[in-house]
Amino acid sequence: MTRRTERIGNVIQRELSTFILRELNDPRLGFFTISTVDTTPDLSQATIAVSVMGDEAARSETIEALNEFAPRMRSHLGKRLHTRTVPKLTFTLDRNLDHGFRIDSLLRDIERGENPAAKDDE
């Protein structure tokens, strides 16, 4: 990732966060956070990783709703970005939060003297 694409990714993240808070009111949108924005070097695509709290149904509904609103968000970005092209937005689920919770759970089990592998076999 170049410095330029990193800067533009940060701007996209800020702008989308503000836009979603102020403009989108959809019951399918759960509690989520935009984790990262990765843009291609030619700025034709931006992949937005989103951490969603809740069960799998809530996660898939949130990602589906965000992808449906993507053209509207792209239009908003077109007015805010000072670039020749505005990237096509694709939202994906960021599972890093799940991994962190799993590691935390395993560490707590070890601290209590339990065998975490035995739980996985159950």
PDB file of N, CA and C in Angstrom:
ATOM      1  N   MET A   1       0.850  -1.172   0.000  1.00  0.00           N
ATOM      2  CA  MET A   1       0.000   0.000   0.000  1.00  0.00           C
ATOM      3  C   MET A   1       0.895   1.233   0.000  1.00  0.00           C
ATOM      4  N   THR A   2       0.634   2.111  -0.932  1.00  0.00           N
ATOM      5  CA  THR A   2       1.432   3.336  -1.006  1.00  0.00           C
ATOM      6  C   THR A   2       0.889   4.365  -0.022  1.00  0.00           C
ATOM      7  N   ARG A   3       1.675   5.365   0.186  1.00  0.00           N
ATOM      8  CA  ARG A   3       1.242   6.433   1.098  1.00  0.00           C
ATOM      9  C   ARG A   3      -0.029   7.100   0.588  1.00  0.00           C
ATOM     10  N   ARG A   4      -0.138   7.268  -0.709  1.00  0.00           N
ATOM     11  CA  ARG A   4      -1.321   7.910  -1.302  1.00  0.00           C
ATOM     12  C   ARG A   4      -2.569   7.065  -1.071  1.00  0.00           C
ATOM     13  N   THR A   5      -2.488   5.766  -1.372  1.00  0.00           N
ATOM     14  CA  THR A   5      -3.669   4.915  -1.190  1.00  0.00           C
ATOM     15  C   THR A   5      -4.030   4.800   0.293  1.00  0.00           C
ATOM     16  N   GLU A   6      -3.016   4.832   1.154  1.00  0.00           N
ATOM     17  CA  GLU A   6      -3.283   4.791   2.595  1.00  0.00           C
ATOM     18  C   GLU A   6      -4.019   6.051   3.044  1.00  0.00           C
ATOM     19  N   ARG A   7      -3.572   7.204   2.573  1.00  0.00           N
ATOM     20  CA  ARG A   7      -4.232   8.470   2.928  1.00  0.00           C
ATOM     21  C   ARG A   7      -5.666   8.495   2.416  1.00  0.00           C
ATOM     22  N   ILE A   8      -5.847   8.080   1.178  1.00  0.00           N
ATOM     23  CA  ILE A   8      -7.195   8.077   0.607  1.00  0.00           C
ATOM     24  C   ILE A   8      -8.083   7.078   1.343  1.00  0.00           C
ATOM     25  N   GLY A   9      -7.529   5.928   1.727  1.00  0.00           N
ATOM     26  CA  GLY A   9      -8.281   4.959   2.520  1.00  0.00           C
ATOM     27  C   GLY A   9      -8.741   5.544   3.841  1.00  0.00           C
ATOM     28  N   ASN A  10      -7.872   6.315   4.492  1.00  0.00           N
ATOM     29  CA  ASN A  10      -8.238   6.968   5.753  1.00  0.00           C
ATOM     30  C   ASN A  10      -9.349   8.001   5.553  1.00  0.00           C
ATOM     31  N   VAL A  11      -9.267   8.760   4.458  1.00  0.00           N
ATOM     32  CA  VAL A  11     -10.307   9.744   4.161  1.00  0.00           C
ATOM     33  C   VAL A  11     -11.632   9.032   3.885  1.00  0.00           C
ATOM     34  N   ILE A  12     -11.577   7.955   3.116  1.00  0.00           N
ATOM     35  CA  ILE A  12     -12.791   7.188   2.817  1.00  0.00           C
ATOM     36  C   ILE A  12     -13.403   6.664   4.115  1.00  0.00           C
ATOM     37  N   GLN A  13     -12.569   6.138   4.999  1.00  0.00           N
ATOM     38  CA  GLN A  13     -13.064   5.598   6.264  1.00  0.00           C
ATOM     39  C   GLN A  13     -13.772   6.686   7.085  1.00  0.00           C
ATOM     40  N   ARG A  14     -13.159   7.844   7.203  1.00  0.00           N
ATOM     41  CA  ARG A  14     -13.775   8.949   7.957  1.00  0.00           C
ATOM     42  C   ARG A  14     -15.081   9.403   7.323  1.00  0.00           C
ATOM     43  N   GLU A  15     -15.046   9.597   6.015  1.00  0.00           N
ATOM     44  CA  GLU A  15     -16.240  10.086   5.315  1.00  0.00           C
ATOM     45  C   GLU A  15     -17.395   9.088   5.393  1.00  0.00           C
ATOM     46  N   LEU A  16     -17.087   7.806   5.204  1.00  0.00           N
ATOM     47  CA  LEU A  16     -18.146   6.800   5.270  1.00  0.00           C
ATOM     48  C   LEU A  16     -18.712   6.685   6.678  1.00  0.00           C
ATOM     49  N   SER A  17     -17.869   6.766   7.684  1.00  0.00           N
ATOM     50  CA  SER A  17     -18.348   6.702   9.066  1.00  0.00           C
ATOM     51  C   SER A  17     -19.335   7.830   9.341  1.00  0.00           C
ATOM     52  N   THR A  18     -18.980   9.020   8.937  1.00  0.00           N
ATOM     53  CA  THR A  18     -19.854  10.175   9.137  1.00  0.00           C
ATOM     54  C   THR A  18     -21.145  10.022   8.336  1.00  0.00           C
ATOM     55  N   PHE A  19     -21.021   9.615   7.085  1.00  0.00           N
ATOM     56  CA  PHE A  19     -22.194   9.463   6.224  1.00  0.00           C
ATOM     57  C   PHE A  19     -23.155   8.416   6.790  1.00  0.00           C
ATOM     58  N   ILE A  20     -22.629   7.286   7.211  1.00  0.00           N
ATOM     59  CA  ILE A  20     -23.474   6.210   7.736  1.00  0.00           C
ATOM     60  C   ILE A  20     -24.200   6.672   8.993  1.00  0.00           C
ATOM     61  N   LEU A  21     -23.490   7.358   9.874  1.00  0.00           N
ATOM     62  CA  LEU A  21     -24.113   7.856  11.109  1.00  0.00           C
ATOM     63  C   LEU A  21     -25.244   8.842  10.834  1.00  0.00           C
ATOM     64  N   ARG A  22     -25.028   9.732   9.892  1.00  0.00           N
ATOM     65  CA  ARG A  22     -25.981  10.818   9.661  1.00  0.00           C
ATOM     66  C   ARG A  22     -27.065  10.498   8.642  1.00  0.00           C
ATOM     67  N   GLU A  23     -26.748   9.677   7.652  1.00  0.00           N
ATOM     68  CA  GLU A  23     -27.665   9.519   6.523  1.00  0.00           C
ATOM     69  C   GLU A  23     -28.395   8.183   6.443  1.00  0.00           C
ATOM     70  N   LEU A  24     -27.814   7.132   6.985  1.00  0.00           N
ATOM     71  CA  LEU A  24     -28.419   5.815   6.824  1.00  0.00           C
ATOM     72  C   LEU A  24     -29.203   5.425   8.068  1.00  0.00           C
ATOM     73  N   ASN A  25     -30.451   5.066   7.850  1.00  0.00           N
ATOM     74  CA  ASN A  25     -31.297   4.616   8.943  1.00  0.00           C
ATOM     75  C   ASN A  25     -32.021   3.360   8.458  1.00  0.00           C
ATOM     76  N   ASP A  26     -31.376   2.236   8.645  1.00  0.00           N
ATOM     77  CA  ASP A  26     -31.916   0.967   8.184  1.00  0.00           C
ATOM     78  C   ASP A  26     -31.864  -0.016   9.346  1.00  0.00           C
ATOM     79  N   PRO A  27     -32.971  -0.706   9.623  1.00  0.00           N
ATOM     80  CA  PRO A  27     -32.970  -1.642  10.760  1.00  0.00           C
ATOM     81  C   PRO A  27     -32.012  -2.821  10.578  1.00  0.00           C
ATOM     82  N   ARG A  28     -31.591  -3.083   9.351  1.00  0.00           N
ATOM     83  CA  ARG A  28     -30.655  -4.189   9.107  1.00  0.00           C
ATOM     84  C   ARG A  28     -29.245  -3.852   9.552  1.00  0.00           C
ATOM     85  N   LEU A  29     -28.959  -2.573   9.719  1.00  0.00           N
ATOM     86  CA  LEU A  29     -27.628  -2.159  10.141  1.00  0.00           C
ATOM     87  C   LEU A  29     -27.496  -2.374  11.637  1.00  0.00           C
ATOM     88  N   GLY A  30     -26.646  -3.320  12.003  1.00  0.00           N
ATOM     89  CA  GLY A  30     -26.402  -3.597  13.413  1.00  0.00           C
ATOM     90  C   GLY A  30     -25.311  -2.696  13.950  1.00  0.00           C
ATOM     91  N   PHE A  31     -24.759  -3.088  15.087  1.00  0.00           N
ATOM     92  CA  PHE A  31     -23.658  -2.335  15.689  1.00  0.00           C
ATOM     93  C   PHE A  31     -22.375  -2.772  15.007  1.00  0.00           C
ATOM     94  N   PHE A  32     -21.739  -1.860  14.289  1.00  0.00           N
ATOM     95  CA  PHE A  32     -20.539  -2.217  13.536  1.00  0.00           C
ATOM     96  C   PHE A  32     -19.530  -1.084  13.545  1.00  0.00           C
ATOM     97  N   THR A  33     -18.316  -1.447  13.162  1.00  0.00           N
ATOM     98  CA  THR A  33     -17.208  -0.501  13.059  1.00  0.00           C
ATOM     99  C   THR A  33     -16.467  -0.763  11.756  1.00  0.00           C
ATOM    100  N   ILE A  34     -16.097   0.292  11.069  1.00  0.00           N
ATOM    101  CA  ILE A  34     -15.267   0.147   9.880  1.00  0.00           C
ATOM    102  C   ILE A  34     -13.833  -0.052  10.364  1.00  0.00           C
ATOM    103  N   SER A  35     -13.286  -1.241  10.102  1.00  0.00           N
ATOM    104  CA  SER A  35     -11.942  -1.581  10.583  1.00  0.00           C
ATOM    105  C   SER A  35     -10.856  -1.017   9.685  1.00  0.00           C
ATOM    106  N   THR A  36     -10.917  -1.378   8.418  1.00  0.00           N
ATOM    107  CA  THR A  36      -9.893  -0.930   7.470  1.00  0.00           C
ATOM    108  C   THR A  36     -10.522  -0.647   6.113  1.00  0.00           C
ATOM    109  N   VAL A  37      -9.816   0.164   5.350  1.00  0.00           N
ATOM    110  CA  VAL A  37     -10.200   0.428   3.958  1.00  0.00           C
ATOM    111  C   VAL A  37      -8.954   0.195   3.118  1.00  0.00           C
ATOM    112  N   ASP A  38      -9.031  -0.779   2.221  1.00  0.00           N
ATOM    113  CA  ASP A  38      -7.925  -1.075   1.310  1.00  0.00           C
ATOM    114  C   ASP A  38      -8.339  -0.671  -0.094  1.00  0.00           C
ATOM    115  N   THR A  39      -7.542   0.189  -0.713  1.00  0.00           N
ATOM    116  CA  THR A  39      -7.837   0.626  -2.080  1.00  0.00           C
ATOM    117  C   THR A  39      -6.785   0.078  -3.031  1.00  0.00           C
ATOM    118  N   THR A  40      -7.211  -0.161  -4.259  1.00  0.00           N
ATOM    119  CA  THR A  40      -6.270  -0.590  -5.284  1.00  0.00           C
ATOM    120  C   THR A  40      -5.419   0.625  -5.674  1.00  0.00           C
ATOM    121  N   PRO A  41      -4.233   0.395  -6.221  1.00  0.00           N
ATOM    122  CA  PRO A  41      -3.364   1.521  -6.585  1.00  0.00           C
ATOM    123  C   PRO A  41      -3.997   2.503  -7.583  1.00  0.00           C
ATOM    124  N   ASP A  42      -4.867   2.000  -8.472  1.00  0.00           N
ATOM    125  CA  ASP A  42      -5.514   2.899  -9.435  1.00  0.00           C
ATOM    126  C   ASP A  42      -6.811   3.499  -8.897  1.00  0.00           C
ATOM    127  N   LEU A  43      -7.136   3.209  -7.629  1.00  0.00           N
ATOM    128  CA  LEU A  43      -8.326   3.716  -6.940  1.00  0.00           C
ATOM    129  C   LEU A  43      -9.641   3.297  -7.598  1.00  0.00           C
ATOM    130  N   SER A  44      -9.625   2.191  -8.328  1.00  0.00           N
ATOM    131  CA  SER A  44     -10.870   1.737  -8.950  1.00  0.00           C
ATOM    132  C   SER A  44     -11.737   0.944  -7.979  1.00  0.00           C
ATOM    133  N   GLN A  45     -11.123   0.365  -6.950  1.00  0.00           N
ATOM    134  CA  GLN A  45     -11.852  -0.462  -5.981  1.00  0.00           C
ATOM    135  C   GLN A  45     -11.395  -0.126  -4.575  1.00  0.00           C
ATOM    136  N   ALA A  46     -12.348  -0.200  -3.651  1.00  0.00           N
ATOM    137  CA  ALA A  46     -12.027  -0.067  -2.226  1.00  0.00           C
ATOM    138  C   ALA A  46     -12.757  -1.184  -1.496  1.00  0.00           C
ATOM    139  N   THR A  47     -11.994  -1.967  -0.747  1.00  0.00           N
ATOM    140  CA  THR A  47     -12.579  -3.029   0.059  1.00  0.00           C
ATOM    141  C   THR A  47     -12.606  -2.535   1.496  1.00  0.00           C
ATOM    142  N   ILE A  48     -13.813  -2.486   2.057  1.00  0.00           N
ATOM    143  CA  ILE A  48     -13.997  -1.969   3.401  1.00  0.00           C
ATOM    144  C   ILE A  48     -14.292  -3.134   4.336  1.00  0.00           C
ATOM    145  N   ALA A  49     -13.398  -3.364   5.296  1.00  0.00           N
ATOM    146  CA  ALA A  49     -13.588  -4.435   6.276  1.00  0.00           C
ATOM    147  C   ALA A  49     -14.384  -3.877   7.444  1.00  0.00           C
ATOM    148  N   VAL A  50     -15.446  -4.607   7.827  1.00  0.00           N
ATOM    149  CA  VAL A  50     -16.364  -4.149   8.859  1.00  0.00           C
ATOM    150  C   VAL A  50     -16.460  -5.197   9.962  1.00  0.00           C
ATOM    151  N   SER A  51     -16.268  -4.778  11.214  1.00  0.00           N
ATOM    152  CA  SER A  51     -16.472  -5.655  12.370  1.00  0.00           C
ATOM    153  C   SER A  51     -17.904  -5.446  12.849  1.00  0.00           C
ATOM    154  N   VAL A  52     -18.647  -6.539  12.955  1.00  0.00           N
ATOM    155  CA  VAL A  52     -20.052  -6.454  13.346  1.00  0.00           C
ATOM    156  C   VAL A  52     -20.266  -7.262  14.619  1.00  0.00           C
ATOM    157  N   MET A  53     -20.878  -6.642  15.614  1.00  0.00           N
ATOM    158  CA  MET A  53     -21.231  -7.344  16.848  1.00  0.00           C
ATOM    159  C   MET A  53     -22.571  -8.049  16.620  1.00  0.00           C
ATOM    160  N   GLY A  54     -22.687  -9.263  17.157  1.00  0.00           N
ATOM    161  CA  GLY A  54     -23.947  -9.984  17.040  1.00  0.00           C
ATOM    162  C   GLY A  54     -23.744 -11.352  16.438  1.00  0.00           C
ATOM    163  N   ASP A  55     -24.857 -12.019  16.189  1.00  0.00           N
ATOM    164  CA  ASP A  55     -24.796 -13.367  15.616  1.00  0.00           C
ATOM    165  C   ASP A  55     -24.565 -13.311  14.109  1.00  0.00           C
ATOM    166  N   GLU A  56     -24.457 -14.486  13.501  1.00  0.00           N
ATOM    167  CA  GLU A  56     -24.172 -14.561  12.049  1.00  0.00           C
ATOM    168  C   GLU A  56     -25.260 -13.887  11.226  1.00  0.00           C
ATOM    169  N   ALA A  57     -26.517 -14.016  11.641  1.00  0.00           N
ATOM    170  CA  ALA A  57     -27.616 -13.395  10.893  1.00  0.00           C
ATOM    171  C   ALA A  57     -27.469 -11.876  10.890  1.00  0.00           C
ATOM    172  N   ALA A  58     -27.154 -11.305  12.045  1.00  0.00           N
ATOM    173  CA  ALA A  58     -26.970  -9.853  12.141  1.00  0.00           C
ATOM    174  C   ALA A  58     -25.783  -9.402  11.298  1.00  0.00           C
ATOM    175  N   ARG A  59     -24.736 -10.199  11.296  1.00  0.00           N
ATOM    176  CA  ARG A  59     -23.541  -9.858  10.511  1.00  0.00           C
ATOM    177  C   ARG A  59     -23.846  -9.852   9.020  1.00  0.00           C
ATOM    178  N   SER A  60     -24.496 -10.908   8.558  1.00  0.00           N
ATOM    179  CA  SER A  60     -24.783 -10.985   7.122  1.00  0.00           C
ATOM    180  C   SER A  60     -25.774  -9.906   6.698  1.00  0.00           C
ATOM    181  N   GLU A  61     -26.763  -9.594   7.546  1.00  0.00           N
ATOM    182  CA  GLU A  61     -27.716  -8.527   7.220  1.00  0.00           C
ATOM    183  C   GLU A  61     -27.018  -7.172   7.126  1.00  0.00           C
ATOM    184  N   THR A  62     -26.107  -6.914   8.047  1.00  0.00           N
ATOM    185  CA  THR A  62     -25.389  -5.641   8.038  1.00  0.00           C
ATOM    186  C   THR A  62     -24.536  -5.506   6.783  1.00  0.00           C
ATOM    187  N   ILE A  63     -23.795  -6.550   6.449  1.00  0.00           N
ATOM    188  CA  ILE A  63     -22.945  -6.507   5.247  1.00  0.00           C
ATOM    189  C   ILE A  63     -23.804  -6.349   3.994  1.00  0.00           C
ATOM    190  N   GLU A  64     -24.917  -7.077   3.942  1.00  0.00           N
ATOM    191  CA  GLU A  64     -25.829  -6.987   2.793  1.00  0.00           C
ATOM    192  C   GLU A  64     -26.379  -5.564   2.653  1.00  0.00           C
ATOM    193  N   ALA A  65     -26.804  -4.969   3.758  1.00  0.00           N
ATOM    194  CA  ALA A  65     -27.346  -3.607   3.715  1.00  0.00           C
ATOM    195  C   ALA A  65     -26.272  -2.606   3.279  1.00  0.00           C
ATOM    196  N   LEU A  66     -25.065  -2.745   3.821  1.00  0.00           N
ATOM    197  CA  LEU A  66     -23.991  -1.824   3.444  1.00  0.00           C
ATOM    198  C   LEU A  66     -23.670  -1.934   1.952  1.00  0.00           C
ATOM    199  N   ASN A  67     -23.651  -3.156   1.431  1.00  0.00           N
ATOM    200  CA  ASN A  67     -23.381  -3.322  -0.001  1.00  0.00           C
ATOM    201  C   ASN A  67     -24.515  -2.761  -0.856  1.00  0.00           C
ATOM    202  N   GLU A  68     -25.745  -2.814  -0.356  1.00  0.00           N
ATOM    203  CA  GLU A  68     -26.860  -2.201  -1.088  1.00  0.00           C
ATOM    204  C   GLU A  68     -26.742  -0.679  -1.117  1.00  0.00           C
ATOM    205  N   PHE A  69     -26.246  -0.097  -0.026  1.00  0.00           N
ATOM    206  CA  PHE A  69     -26.084   1.359   0.056  1.00  0.00           C
ATOM    207  C   PHE A  69     -24.783   1.842  -0.581  1.00  0.00           C
ATOM    208  N   ALA A  70     -23.951   0.934  -1.046  1.00  0.00           N
ATOM    209  CA  ALA A  70     -22.639   1.294  -1.595  1.00  0.00           C
ATOM    210  C   ALA A  70     -22.713   2.331  -2.724  1.00  0.00           C
ATOM    211  N   PRO A  71     -23.643   2.206  -3.698  1.00  0.00           N
ATOM    212  CA  PRO A  71     -23.688   3.242  -4.743  1.00  0.00           C
ATOM    213  C   PRO A  71     -23.985   4.636  -4.190  1.00  0.00           C
ATOM    214  N   ARG A  72     -24.856   4.698  -3.202  1.00  0.00           N
ATOM    215  CA  ARG A  72     -25.186   5.992  -2.580  1.00  0.00           C
ATOM    216  C   ARG A  72     -23.967   6.553  -1.843  1.00  0.00           C
ATOM    217  N   MET A  73     -23.236   5.683  -1.167  1.00  0.00           N
ATOM    218  CA  MET A  73     -22.027   6.120  -0.460  1.00  0.00           C
ATOM    219  C   MET A  73     -20.954   6.559  -1.451  1.00  0.00           C
ATOM    220  N   ARG A  74     -20.872   5.852  -2.565  1.00  0.00           N
ATOM    221  CA  ARG A  74     -19.878   6.203  -3.593  1.00  0.00           C
ATOM    222  C   ARG A  74     -20.189   7.586  -4.167  1.00  0.00           C
ATOM    223  N   SER A  75     -21.464   7.857  -4.364  1.00  0.00           N
ATOM    224  CA  SER A  75     -21.873   9.168  -4.857  1.00  0.00           C
ATOM    225  C   SER A  75     -21.473  10.263  -3.864  1.00  0.00           C
ATOM    226  N   HIS A  76     -21.684  10.003  -2.594  1.00  0.00           N
ATOM    227  CA  HIS A  76     -21.281  10.956  -1.553  1.00  0.00           C
ATOM    228  C   HIS A  76     -19.772  11.178  -1.590  1.00  0.00           C
ATOM    229  N   LEU A  77     -19.014  10.080  -1.726  1.00  0.00           N
ATOM    230  CA  LEU A  77     -17.554  10.206  -1.777  1.00  0.00           C
ATOM    231  C   LEU A  77     -17.107  11.009  -2.985  1.00  0.00           C
ATOM    232  N   GLY A  78     -17.838  10.893  -4.083  1.00  0.00           N
ATOM    233  CA  GLY A  78     -17.497  11.647  -5.288  1.00  0.00           C
ATOM    234  C   GLY A  78     -17.497  13.147  -5.045  1.00  0.00           C
ATOM    235  N   LYS A  79     -18.368  13.589  -4.143  1.00  0.00           N
ATOM    236  CA  LYS A  79     -18.440  15.016  -3.816  1.00  0.00           C
ATOM    237  C   LYS A  79     -17.359  15.420  -2.816  1.00  0.00           C
ATOM    238  N   ARG A  80     -16.838  14.466  -2.038  1.00  0.00           N
ATOM    239  CA  ARG A  80     -15.910  14.782  -0.967  1.00  0.00           C
ATOM    240  C   ARG A  80     -14.437  14.517  -1.308  1.00  0.00           C
ATOM    241  N   LEU A  81     -14.194  13.519  -2.158  1.00  0.00           N
ATOM    242  CA  LEU A  81     -12.818  13.193  -2.529  1.00  0.00           C
ATOM    243  C   LEU A  81     -12.343  14.120  -3.643  1.00  0.00           C
ATOM    244  N   HIS A  82     -11.095  14.456  -3.593  1.00  0.00           N
ATOM    245  CA  HIS A  82     -10.520  15.296  -4.643  1.00  0.00           C
ATOM    246  C   HIS A  82      -9.661  14.420  -5.553  1.00  0.00           C
ATOM    247  N   THR A  83     -10.304  13.420  -6.147  1.00  0.00           N
ATOM    248  CA  THR A  83      -9.613  12.498  -7.047  1.00  0.00           C
ATOM    249  C   THR A  83     -10.381  12.421  -8.359  1.00  0.00           C
ATOM    250  N   ARG A  84      -9.680  11.964  -9.376  1.00  0.00           N
ATOM    251  CA  ARG A  84     -10.293  11.825 -10.692  1.00  0.00           C
ATOM    252  C   ARG A  84     -11.333  10.707 -10.712  1.00  0.00           C
ATOM    253  N   THR A  85     -11.031   9.629  -9.999  1.00  0.00           N
ATOM    254  CA  THR A  85     -11.959   8.504  -9.939  1.00  0.00           C
ATOM    255  C   THR A  85     -12.384   8.267  -8.489  1.00  0.00           C
ATOM    256  N   VAL A  86     -13.569   7.691  -8.365  1.00  0.00           N
ATOM    257  CA  VAL A  86     -14.081   7.318  -7.050  1.00  0.00           C
ATOM    258  C   VAL A  86     -14.169   5.795  -7.040  1.00  0.00           C
ATOM    259  N   PRO A  87     -13.553   5.156  -6.066  1.00  0.00           N
ATOM    260  CA  PRO A  87     -13.524   3.685  -6.069  1.00  0.00           C
ATOM    261  C   PRO A  87     -14.899   3.054  -5.882  1.00  0.00           C
ATOM    262  N   LYS A  88     -15.040   1.886  -6.500  1.00  0.00           N
ATOM    263  CA  LYS A  88     -16.230   1.061  -6.283  1.00  0.00           C
ATOM    264  C   LYS A  88     -16.071   0.454  -4.892  1.00  0.00           C
ATOM    265  N   LEU A  89     -17.131   0.530  -4.071  1.00  0.00           N
ATOM    266  CA  LEU A  89     -17.053   0.091  -2.682  1.00  0.00           C
ATOM    267  C   LEU A  89     -17.579  -1.327  -2.524  1.00  0.00           C
ATOM    268  N   THR A  90     -16.800  -2.139  -1.807  1.00  0.00           N
ATOM    269  CA  THR A  90     -17.204  -3.497  -1.482  1.00  0.00           C
ATOM    270  C   THR A  90     -16.984  -3.697   0.010  1.00  0.00           C
ATOM    271  N   PHE A  91     -18.050  -4.100   0.701  1.00  0.00           N
ATOM    272  CA  PHE A  91     -17.965  -4.319   2.147  1.00  0.00           C
ATOM    273  C   PHE A  91     -17.783  -5.795   2.433  1.00  0.00           C
ATOM    274  N   THR A  92     -16.835  -6.094   3.326  1.00  0.00           N
ATOM    275  CA  THR A  92     -16.581  -7.476   3.736  1.00  0.00           C
ATOM    276  C   THR A  92     -16.569  -7.545   5.258  1.00  0.00           C
ATOM    277  N   LEU A  93     -16.786  -8.743   5.757  1.00  0.00           N
ATOM    278  CA  LEU A  93     -16.810  -8.963   7.195  1.00  0.00           C
ATOM    279  C   LEU A  93     -15.395  -9.148   7.719  1.00  0.00           C
ATOM    280  N   ASP A  94     -15.046  -8.392   8.743  1.00  0.00           N
ATOM    281  CA  ASP A  94     -13.743  -8.502   9.397  1.00  0.00           C
ATOM    282  C   ASP A  94     -13.910  -9.403  10.618  1.00  0.00           C
ATOM    283  N   ARG A  95     -13.269 -10.547  10.598  1.00  0.00           N
ATOM    284  CA  ARG A  95     -13.429 -11.519  11.685  1.00  0.00           C
ATOM    285  C   ARG A  95     -12.313 -11.429  12.728  1.00  0.00           C
ATOM    286  N   ASN A  96     -11.494 -10.386  12.676  1.00  0.00           N
ATOM    287  CA  ASN A  96     -10.420 -10.231  13.653  1.00  0.00           C
ATOM    288  C   ASN A  96     -10.951 -10.115  15.080  1.00  0.00           C
ATOM    289  N   LEU A  97     -12.108  -9.493  15.255  1.00  0.00           N
ATOM    290  CA  LEU A  97     -12.703  -9.370  16.578  1.00  0.00           C
ATOM    291  C   LEU A  97     -13.044 -10.748  17.139  1.00  0.00           C
ATOM    292  N   ASP A  98     -13.573 -11.635  16.292  1.00  0.00           N
ATOM    293  CA  ASP A  98     -13.887 -13.002  16.712  1.00  0.00           C
ATOM    294  C   ASP A  98     -12.627 -13.728  17.164  1.00  0.00           C
ATOM    295  N   HIS A  99     -11.564 -13.568  16.400  1.00  0.00           N
ATOM    296  CA  HIS A  99     -10.297 -14.219  16.750  1.00  0.00           C
ATOM    297  C   HIS A  99      -9.779 -13.704  18.091  1.00  0.00           C
ATOM    298  N   GLY A 100      -9.909 -12.409  18.316  1.00  0.00           N
ATOM    299  CA  GLY A 100      -9.469 -11.828  19.575  1.00  0.00           C
ATOM    300  C   GLY A 100     -10.254 -12.373  20.760  1.00  0.00           C
ATOM    301  N   PHE A 101     -11.584 -12.487  20.593  1.00  0.00           N
ATOM    302  CA  PHE A 101     -12.409 -13.052  21.666  1.00  0.00           C
ATOM    303  C   PHE A 101     -12.047 -14.507  21.926  1.00  0.00           C
ATOM    304  N   ARG A 102     -11.773 -15.247  20.874  1.00  0.00           N
ATOM    305  CA  ARG A 102     -11.413 -16.664  21.015  1.00  0.00           C
ATOM    306  C   ARG A 102     -10.086 -16.808  21.765  1.00  0.00           C
ATOM    307  N   ILE A 103      -9.107 -16.009  21.406  1.00  0.00           N
ATOM    308  CA  ILE A 103      -7.804 -16.058  22.075  1.00  0.00           C
ATOM    309  C   ILE A 103      -7.961 -15.669  23.547  1.00  0.00           C
ATOM    310  N   ASP A 104      -8.757 -14.638  23.806  1.00  0.00           N
ATOM    311  CA  ASP A 104      -8.994 -14.213  25.178  1.00  0.00           C
ATOM    312  C   ASP A 104      -9.643 -15.333  25.992  1.00  0.00           C
ATOM    313  N   SER A 105     -10.603 -16.018  25.411  1.00  0.00           N
ATOM    314  CA  SER A 105     -11.273 -17.132  26.079  1.00  0.00           C
ATOM    315  C   SER A 105     -10.291 -18.263  26.372  1.00  0.00           C
ATOM    316  N   LEU A 106      -9.443 -18.583  25.411  1.00  0.00           N
ATOM    317  CA  LEU A 106      -8.444 -19.642  25.616  1.00  0.00           C
ATOM    318  C   LEU A 106      -7.461 -19.283  26.724  1.00  0.00           C
ATOM    319  N   LEU A 107      -7.032 -18.030  26.747  1.00  0.00           N
ATOM    320  CA  LEU A 107      -6.095 -17.594  27.782  1.00  0.00           C
ATOM    321  C   LEU A 107      -6.734 -17.647  29.170  1.00  0.00           C
ATOM    322  N   ARG A 108      -8.018 -17.272  29.260  1.00  0.00           N
ATOM    323  CA  ARG A 108      -8.702 -17.367  30.548  1.00  0.00           C
ATOM    324  C   ARG A 108      -8.830 -18.814  31.005  1.00  0.00           C
ATOM    325  N   ASP A 109      -9.113 -19.730  30.063  1.00  0.00           N
ATOM    326  CA  ASP A 109      -9.204 -21.152  30.401  1.00  0.00           C
ATOM    327  C   ASP A 109      -7.869 -21.671  30.930  1.00  0.00           C
ATOM    328  N   ILE A 110      -6.800 -21.284  30.282  1.00  0.00           N
ATOM    329  CA  ILE A 110      -5.463 -21.716  30.707  1.00  0.00           C
ATOM    330  C   ILE A 110      -5.155 -21.164  32.092  1.00  0.00           C
ATOM    331  N   GLU A 111      -5.514 -19.914  32.322  1.00  0.00           N
ATOM    332  CA  GLU A 111      -5.268 -19.275  33.614  1.00  0.00           C
ATOM    333  C   GLU A 111      -6.011 -19.996  34.742  1.00  0.00           C
ATOM    334  N   ARG A 112      -7.195 -20.502  34.452  1.00  0.00           N
ATOM    335  CA  ARG A 112      -7.982 -21.233  35.454  1.00  0.00           C
ATOM    336  C   ARG A 112      -7.536 -22.689  35.585  1.00  0.00           C
ATOM    337  N   GLY A 113      -6.598 -23.109  34.754  1.00  0.00           N
ATOM    338  CA  GLY A 113      -6.095 -24.473  34.813  1.00  0.00           C
ATOM    339  C   GLY A 113      -6.904 -25.461  33.998  1.00  0.00           C
ATOM    340  N   GLU A 114      -7.795 -24.952  33.174  1.00  0.00           N
ATOM    341  CA  GLU A 114      -8.593 -25.840  32.319  1.00  0.00           C
ATOM    342  C   GLU A 114      -7.844 -26.123  31.026  1.00  0.00           C
ATOM    343  N   ASN A 115      -8.227 -27.214  30.394  1.00  0.00           N
ATOM    344  CA  ASN A 115      -7.613 -27.578  29.123  1.00  0.00           C
ATOM    345  C   ASN A 115      -8.502 -27.070  28.002  1.00  0.00           C
ATOM    346  N   PRO A 116      -8.076 -26.020  27.268  1.00  0.00           N
ATOM    347  CA  PRO A 116      -8.915 -25.466  26.200  1.00  0.00           C
ATOM    348  C   PRO A 116      -9.172 -26.464  25.071  1.00  0.00           C
ATOM    349  N   ALA A 117      -8.245 -27.390  24.830  1.00  0.00           N
ATOM    350  CA  ALA A 117      -8.433 -28.366  23.754  1.00  0.00           C
ATOM    351  C   ALA A 117      -9.582 -29.305  24.081  1.00  0.00           C
ATOM    352  N   ALA A 118      -9.797 -29.610  25.352  1.00  0.00           N
ATOM    353  CA  ALA A 118     -10.876 -30.514  25.750  1.00  0.00           C
ATOM    354  C   ALA A 118     -12.236 -29.894  25.446  1.00  0.00           C
ATOM    355  N   LYS A 119     -12.361 -28.561  25.552  1.00  0.00           N
ATOM    356  CA  LYS A 119     -13.621 -27.893  25.239  1.00  0.00           C
ATOM    357  C   LYS A 119     -13.944 -27.999  23.759  1.00  0.00           C
ATOM    358  N   ASP A 120     -12.918 -27.913  22.920  1.00  0.00           N
ATOM    359  CA  ASP A 120     -13.131 -27.975  21.474  1.00  0.00           C
ATOM    360  C   ASP A 120     -13.630 -29.336  21.039  1.00  0.00           C
ATOM    361  N   ASP A 121     -13.263 -30.405  21.765  1.00  0.00           N
ATOM    362  CA  ASP A 121     -13.658 -31.752  21.408  1.00  0.00           C
ATOM    363  C   ASP A 121     -15.104 -32.049  21.779  1.00  0.00           C
ATOM    364  N   GLU A 122     -15.675 -31.280  22.695  1.00  0.00           N
ATOM    365  CA  GLU A 122     -17.041 -31.526  23.173  1.00  0.00           C
ATOM    366  C   GLU A 122     -18.060 -31.235  22.132  1.00  0.00           C
TER     367      GLU A 122
END
